[in-house]
Amino acid sequence: MLREFIKCSGLEDRIRLIDESVPSDWDESELATVCQIAGIADKVKGMDAEETLEVLRSALSDKLDESMEEDEAALPFGRILEEEKTAEDESKEGSAMEEVIRTSLTAHIGKSDLM
């Protein structure tokens, strides 16, 4: 089970793996290693496999919730940065268009002066 846990692409997959497993799927060393990875080794000392999996699932769920809250908190800043980038891009496009117009006018005025 340790290999499957490590192969999981994220917290949601790891939680799903735990939900779909039973305590007998895990040996003691696998659970100990997974708990070290999750940072809860001290919390589960002396617990049986079922209790350990419950605590592990809870810890991973908490981390997922924190991650989602951080993403939501960062969302307004992401929007501000996007708006700034859009305004900057529009400004660059405006400058490029001004240059094209200036070049065209210069070329046109130059031609009419010759005629």
N, C-alpha and C. Protein backbone atom coordinates (compact mmCIF):
# COMPACT_ATOMS: atom_id res chain seq x y z
N MET A 1 0.82 -1.20 0.00
CA MET A 1 0.00 0.00 0.00
C MET A 1 0.86 1.27 0.00
N LEU A 2 2.05 1.15 0.54
CA LEU A 2 2.94 2.30 0.58
C LEU A 2 3.22 2.81 -0.83
N ARG A 3 3.48 1.90 -1.74
CA ARG A 3 3.75 2.31 -3.14
C ARG A 3 2.56 3.04 -3.73
N GLU A 4 1.37 2.53 -3.49
CA GLU A 4 0.17 3.17 -4.02
C GLU A 4 0.01 4.57 -3.41
N PHE A 5 0.30 4.68 -2.11
CA PHE A 5 0.19 5.97 -1.43
C PHE A 5 1.15 6.98 -2.06
N ILE A 6 2.37 6.54 -2.29
CA ILE A 6 3.38 7.43 -2.87
C ILE A 6 3.03 7.80 -4.31
N LYS A 7 2.44 6.88 -5.05
CA LYS A 7 2.08 7.14 -6.45
C LYS A 7 0.92 8.12 -6.59
N CYS A 8 0.15 8.30 -5.54
CA CYS A 8 -1.01 9.20 -5.61
C CYS A 8 -0.57 10.59 -6.04
N SER A 9 -1.38 11.21 -6.88
CA SER A 9 -1.00 12.51 -7.43
C SER A 9 -1.34 13.68 -6.51
N GLY A 10 -2.09 13.45 -5.47
CA GLY A 10 -2.42 14.55 -4.57
C GLY A 10 -3.14 14.06 -3.34
N LEU A 11 -3.51 15.01 -2.50
CA LEU A 11 -4.18 14.67 -1.25
C LEU A 11 -5.50 13.96 -1.47
N GLU A 12 -6.25 14.41 -2.45
CA GLU A 12 -7.55 13.77 -2.72
C GLU A 12 -7.38 12.30 -3.05
N ASP A 13 -6.39 11.99 -3.88
CA ASP A 13 -6.13 10.59 -4.24
C ASP A 13 -5.69 9.78 -3.01
N ARG A 14 -4.89 10.39 -2.16
CA ARG A 14 -4.43 9.68 -0.96
C ARG A 14 -5.59 9.41 -0.01
N ILE A 15 -6.47 10.37 0.13
CA ILE A 15 -7.65 10.18 0.98
C ILE A 15 -8.53 9.07 0.41
N ARG A 16 -8.71 9.09 -0.90
CA ARG A 16 -9.51 8.05 -1.55
C ARG A 16 -8.88 6.67 -1.34
N LEU A 17 -7.56 6.57 -1.44
CA LEU A 17 -6.86 5.31 -1.21
C LEU A 17 -7.13 4.79 0.20
N ILE A 18 -7.05 5.69 1.17
CA ILE A 18 -7.31 5.29 2.56
C ILE A 18 -8.76 4.86 2.72
N ASP A 19 -9.69 5.60 2.11
CA ASP A 19 -11.11 5.26 2.21
C ASP A 19 -11.41 3.89 1.61
N GLU A 20 -10.70 3.56 0.55
CA GLU A 20 -10.97 2.30 -0.16
C GLU A 20 -10.19 1.12 0.42
N SER A 21 -9.34 1.39 1.39
CA SER A 21 -8.56 0.30 1.98
C SER A 21 -9.16 -0.12 3.33
N VAL A 22 -8.69 -1.23 3.80
CA VAL A 22 -9.04 -1.71 5.15
C VAL A 22 -7.74 -1.88 5.92
N PRO A 23 -7.82 -1.86 7.23
CA PRO A 23 -6.58 -1.95 8.02
C PRO A 23 -5.68 -3.14 7.65
N SER A 24 -6.29 -4.24 7.28
CA SER A 24 -5.47 -5.42 6.95
C SER A 24 -4.69 -5.25 5.65
N ASP A 25 -5.02 -4.24 4.84
CA ASP A 25 -4.27 -3.97 3.61
C ASP A 25 -2.89 -3.40 3.91
N TRP A 26 -2.72 -2.84 5.09
CA TRP A 26 -1.50 -2.14 5.46
C TRP A 26 -0.71 -2.97 6.47
N ASP A 27 0.60 -3.03 6.27
CA ASP A 27 1.40 -3.63 7.34
C ASP A 27 1.92 -2.50 8.23
N GLU A 28 2.44 -2.88 9.36
CA GLU A 28 2.84 -1.90 10.37
C GLU A 28 3.89 -0.91 9.87
N SER A 29 4.87 -1.40 9.13
CA SER A 29 5.94 -0.51 8.66
C SER A 29 5.42 0.45 7.58
N GLU A 30 4.49 -0.02 6.74
CA GLU A 30 3.91 0.88 5.73
C GLU A 30 3.15 2.02 6.40
N LEU A 31 2.34 1.68 7.39
CA LEU A 31 1.58 2.71 8.11
C LEU A 31 2.52 3.68 8.80
N ALA A 32 3.57 3.17 9.41
CA ALA A 32 4.53 4.04 10.10
C ALA A 32 5.18 5.00 9.11
N THR A 33 5.54 4.51 7.95
CA THR A 33 6.18 5.35 6.93
C THR A 33 5.21 6.40 6.40
N VAL A 34 3.98 6.00 6.12
CA VAL A 34 2.97 6.93 5.62
C VAL A 34 2.69 8.02 6.67
N CYS A 35 2.65 7.63 7.92
CA CYS A 35 2.43 8.61 8.99
C CYS A 35 3.59 9.58 9.11
N GLN A 36 4.81 9.10 8.88
CA GLN A 36 5.97 10.00 8.87
C GLN A 36 5.86 10.97 7.71
N ILE A 37 5.47 10.48 6.55
CA ILE A 37 5.30 11.35 5.38
C ILE A 37 4.27 12.43 5.67
N ALA A 38 3.18 12.05 6.33
CA ALA A 38 2.09 12.98 6.63
C ALA A 38 2.40 13.86 7.84
N GLY A 39 3.48 13.55 8.57
CA GLY A 39 3.86 14.36 9.72
C GLY A 39 3.03 14.09 10.97
N ILE A 40 2.49 12.88 11.09
CA ILE A 40 1.65 12.58 12.24
C ILE A 40 2.17 11.38 13.03
N ALA A 41 3.41 11.01 12.84
CA ALA A 41 3.96 9.82 13.50
C ALA A 41 3.79 9.87 15.02
N ASP A 42 4.01 11.04 15.62
CA ASP A 42 3.87 11.17 17.08
C ASP A 42 2.43 11.02 17.54
N LYS A 43 1.49 11.45 16.71
CA LYS A 43 0.08 11.41 17.09
C LYS A 43 -0.48 9.99 17.13
N VAL A 44 0.10 9.08 16.36
CA VAL A 44 -0.48 7.74 16.23
C VAL A 44 0.26 6.66 17.00
N LYS A 45 1.25 7.05 17.80
CA LYS A 45 1.99 6.06 18.58
C LYS A 45 1.04 5.28 19.47
N GLY A 46 1.15 3.96 19.43
CA GLY A 46 0.34 3.09 20.27
C GLY A 46 -1.05 2.79 19.73
N MET A 47 -1.41 3.38 18.61
CA MET A 47 -2.74 3.13 18.04
C MET A 47 -2.73 1.89 17.17
N ASP A 48 -3.87 1.25 17.03
CA ASP A 48 -3.96 0.12 16.11
C ASP A 48 -4.14 0.66 14.69
N ALA A 49 -4.11 -0.22 13.71
CA ALA A 49 -4.14 0.18 12.30
C ALA A 49 -5.41 0.97 11.96
N GLU A 50 -6.54 0.54 12.49
CA GLU A 50 -7.81 1.22 12.18
C GLU A 50 -7.80 2.66 12.70
N GLU A 51 -7.36 2.84 13.94
CA GLU A 51 -7.29 4.18 14.51
C GLU A 51 -6.27 5.03 13.75
N THR A 52 -5.15 4.43 13.40
CA THR A 52 -4.11 5.13 12.67
C THR A 52 -4.63 5.63 11.33
N LEU A 53 -5.36 4.78 10.62
CA LEU A 53 -5.92 5.18 9.33
C LEU A 53 -6.93 6.32 9.50
N GLU A 54 -7.71 6.30 10.57
CA GLU A 54 -8.67 7.37 10.82
C GLU A 54 -7.96 8.69 11.07
N VAL A 55 -6.91 8.65 11.90
CA VAL A 55 -6.15 9.86 12.19
C VAL A 55 -5.44 10.35 10.92
N LEU A 56 -4.89 9.43 10.16
CA LEU A 56 -4.21 9.77 8.91
C LEU A 56 -5.18 10.44 7.93
N ARG A 57 -6.35 9.85 7.78
CA ARG A 57 -7.35 10.41 6.88
C ARG A 57 -7.75 11.81 7.33
N SER A 58 -7.95 11.97 8.62
CA SER A 58 -8.32 13.28 9.17
C SER A 58 -7.23 14.31 8.92
N ALA A 59 -5.98 13.93 9.13
CA ALA A 59 -4.85 14.85 8.91
C ALA A 59 -4.75 15.25 7.45
N LEU A 60 -4.92 14.28 6.54
CA LEU A 60 -4.86 14.59 5.11
C LEU A 60 -6.03 15.47 4.69
N SER A 61 -7.20 15.23 5.25
CA SER A 61 -8.37 16.06 4.96
C SER A 61 -8.15 17.49 5.43
N ASP A 62 -7.56 17.64 6.61
CA ASP A 62 -7.26 18.98 7.12
C ASP A 62 -6.28 19.71 6.21
N LYS A 63 -5.25 18.98 5.75
CA LYS A 63 -4.28 19.59 4.84
C LYS A 63 -4.94 19.99 3.53
N LEU A 64 -5.85 19.15 3.04
CA LEU A 64 -6.57 19.48 1.80
C LEU A 64 -7.42 20.71 1.99
N ASP A 65 -8.12 20.80 3.12
CA ASP A 65 -8.94 21.97 3.41
C ASP A 65 -8.09 23.24 3.49
N GLU A 66 -6.95 23.15 4.16
CA GLU A 66 -6.04 24.29 4.26
C GLU A 66 -5.56 24.72 2.88
N SER A 67 -5.22 23.74 2.07
CA SER A 67 -4.75 24.01 0.72
C SER A 67 -5.82 24.72 -0.10
N MET A 68 -7.05 24.26 0.03
CA MET A 68 -8.15 24.88 -0.72
C MET A 68 -8.41 26.30 -0.22
N GLU A 69 -8.31 26.51 1.09
CA GLU A 69 -8.50 27.85 1.65
C GLU A 69 -7.41 28.79 1.16
N GLU A 70 -6.18 28.30 1.10
CA GLU A 70 -5.07 29.12 0.60
C GLU A 70 -5.30 29.49 -0.86
N ASP A 71 -5.77 28.52 -1.64
CA ASP A 71 -6.05 28.77 -3.05
C ASP A 71 -7.14 29.83 -3.20
N GLU A 72 -8.19 29.71 -2.37
CA GLU A 72 -9.28 30.68 -2.43
C GLU A 72 -8.81 32.06 -1.99
N ALA A 73 -7.95 32.11 -0.97
CA ALA A 73 -7.43 33.39 -0.50
C ALA A 73 -6.54 34.04 -1.55
N ALA A 74 -5.83 33.23 -2.30
CA ALA A 74 -4.93 33.75 -3.32
C ALA A 74 -5.68 34.16 -4.58
N LEU A 75 -6.89 33.68 -4.76
CA LEU A 75 -7.66 33.94 -5.97
C LEU A 75 -7.84 35.43 -6.25
N PRO A 76 -8.24 36.26 -5.27
CA PRO A 76 -8.38 37.69 -5.57
C PRO A 76 -7.06 38.32 -6.03
N PHE A 77 -5.95 37.90 -5.43
CA PHE A 77 -4.66 38.44 -5.85
C PHE A 77 -4.33 38.00 -7.27
N GLY A 78 -4.69 36.77 -7.61
CA GLY A 78 -4.49 36.28 -8.97
C GLY A 78 -5.29 37.09 -9.96
N ARG A 79 -6.51 37.44 -9.59
CA ARG A 79 -7.35 38.26 -10.47
C ARG A 79 -6.75 39.64 -10.65
N ILE A 80 -6.25 40.22 -9.55
CA ILE A 80 -5.63 41.55 -9.65
C ILE A 80 -4.43 41.49 -10.58
N LEU A 81 -3.60 40.45 -10.42
CA LEU A 81 -2.43 40.32 -11.29
C LEU A 81 -2.85 40.12 -12.74
N GLU A 82 -3.91 39.35 -12.96
CA GLU A 82 -4.42 39.15 -14.32
C GLU A 82 -4.89 40.46 -14.92
N GLU A 83 -5.62 41.24 -14.12
CA GLU A 83 -6.12 42.54 -14.60
C GLU A 83 -4.97 43.48 -14.92
N GLU A 84 -3.94 43.48 -14.07
CA GLU A 84 -2.78 44.31 -14.32
C GLU A 84 -2.07 43.89 -15.60
N LYS A 85 -1.95 42.57 -15.80
CA LYS A 85 -1.29 42.06 -16.99
C LYS A 85 -2.10 42.42 -18.24
N THR A 86 -3.42 42.29 -18.14
CA THR A 86 -4.29 42.65 -19.27
C THR A 86 -4.14 44.13 -19.60
N ALA A 87 -4.15 44.98 -18.58
CA ALA A 87 -3.99 46.42 -18.81
C ALA A 87 -2.63 46.71 -19.43
N GLU A 88 -1.60 46.01 -18.95
CA GLU A 88 -0.26 46.20 -19.50
C GLU A 88 -0.20 45.76 -20.96
N ASP A 89 -0.82 44.60 -21.25
CA ASP A 89 -0.86 44.10 -22.63
C ASP A 89 -1.61 45.07 -23.54
N GLU A 90 -2.73 45.59 -23.04
CA GLU A 90 -3.51 46.55 -23.83
C GLU A 90 -2.70 47.81 -24.08
N SER A 91 -1.94 48.23 -23.08
CA SER A 91 -1.10 49.41 -23.22
C SER A 91 -0.03 49.17 -24.29
N LYS A 92 0.56 47.97 -24.27
CA LYS A 92 1.57 47.63 -25.28
C LYS A 92 0.95 47.60 -26.67
N GLU A 93 -0.27 47.02 -26.76
CA GLU A 93 -0.96 46.97 -28.05
C GLU A 93 -1.26 48.38 -28.54
N GLY A 94 -1.69 49.26 -27.59
CA GLY A 94 -1.97 50.64 -27.94
C GLY A 94 -0.72 51.34 -28.44
N SER A 95 0.41 51.10 -27.79
CA SER A 95 1.67 51.71 -28.21
C SER A 95 2.08 51.21 -29.59
N ALA A 96 1.87 49.94 -29.84
CA ALA A 96 2.21 49.37 -31.15
C ALA A 96 1.31 49.98 -32.22
N MET A 97 0.02 50.13 -31.91
CA MET A 97 -0.92 50.72 -32.87
C MET A 97 -0.55 52.18 -33.13
N GLU A 98 -0.17 52.92 -32.09
CA GLU A 98 0.25 54.30 -32.26
C GLU A 98 1.46 54.38 -33.18
N GLU A 99 2.38 53.45 -33.03
CA GLU A 99 3.58 53.43 -33.86
C GLU A 99 3.22 53.18 -35.33
N VAL A 100 2.29 52.26 -35.57
CA VAL A 100 1.85 51.97 -36.93
C VAL A 100 1.20 53.21 -37.54
N ILE A 101 0.34 53.87 -36.77
CA ILE A 101 -0.33 55.08 -37.26
C ILE A 101 0.70 56.17 -37.52
N ARG A 102 1.63 56.35 -36.58
CA ARG A 102 2.66 57.38 -36.74
C ARG A 102 3.49 57.11 -38.00
N THR A 103 3.86 55.85 -38.22
CA THR A 103 4.66 55.47 -39.39
C THR A 103 3.86 55.73 -40.66
N SER A 104 2.58 55.36 -40.65
CA SER A 104 1.73 55.57 -41.82
C SER A 104 1.57 57.05 -42.13
N LEU A 105 1.32 57.84 -41.09
CA LEU A 105 1.15 59.28 -41.30
C LEU A 105 2.43 59.91 -41.81
N THR A 106 3.55 59.51 -41.25
CA THR A 106 4.84 60.05 -41.68
C THR A 106 5.08 59.70 -43.13
N ALA A 107 4.78 58.46 -43.49
CA ALA A 107 4.97 58.03 -44.88
C ALA A 107 4.02 58.80 -45.79
N HIS A 108 2.78 58.98 -45.35
CA HIS A 108 1.78 59.68 -46.17
C HIS A 108 2.12 61.16 -46.30
N ILE A 109 2.48 61.79 -45.21
CA ILE A 109 2.82 63.22 -45.24
C ILE A 109 4.07 63.41 -46.08
N GLY A 110 5.00 62.53 -45.94
CA GLY A 110 6.22 62.61 -46.71
C GLY A 110 5.93 62.53 -48.21
N LYS A 111 5.01 61.64 -48.60
CA LYS A 111 4.65 61.50 -50.01
C LYS A 111 3.92 62.72 -50.53
N SER A 112 3.01 63.27 -49.71
CA SER A 112 2.23 64.42 -50.18
C SER A 112 3.12 65.65 -50.28
N ASP A 113 4.13 65.74 -49.45
CA ASP A 113 5.05 66.87 -49.54
C ASP A 113 5.84 66.83 -50.84
N LEU A 114 6.10 65.61 -51.34
CA LEU A 114 6.84 65.47 -52.58
C LEU A 114 5.99 65.78 -53.79
N MET A 115 4.70 65.67 -53.69
CA MET A 115 3.81 65.89 -54.84
C MET A 115 3.49 67.30 -55.04
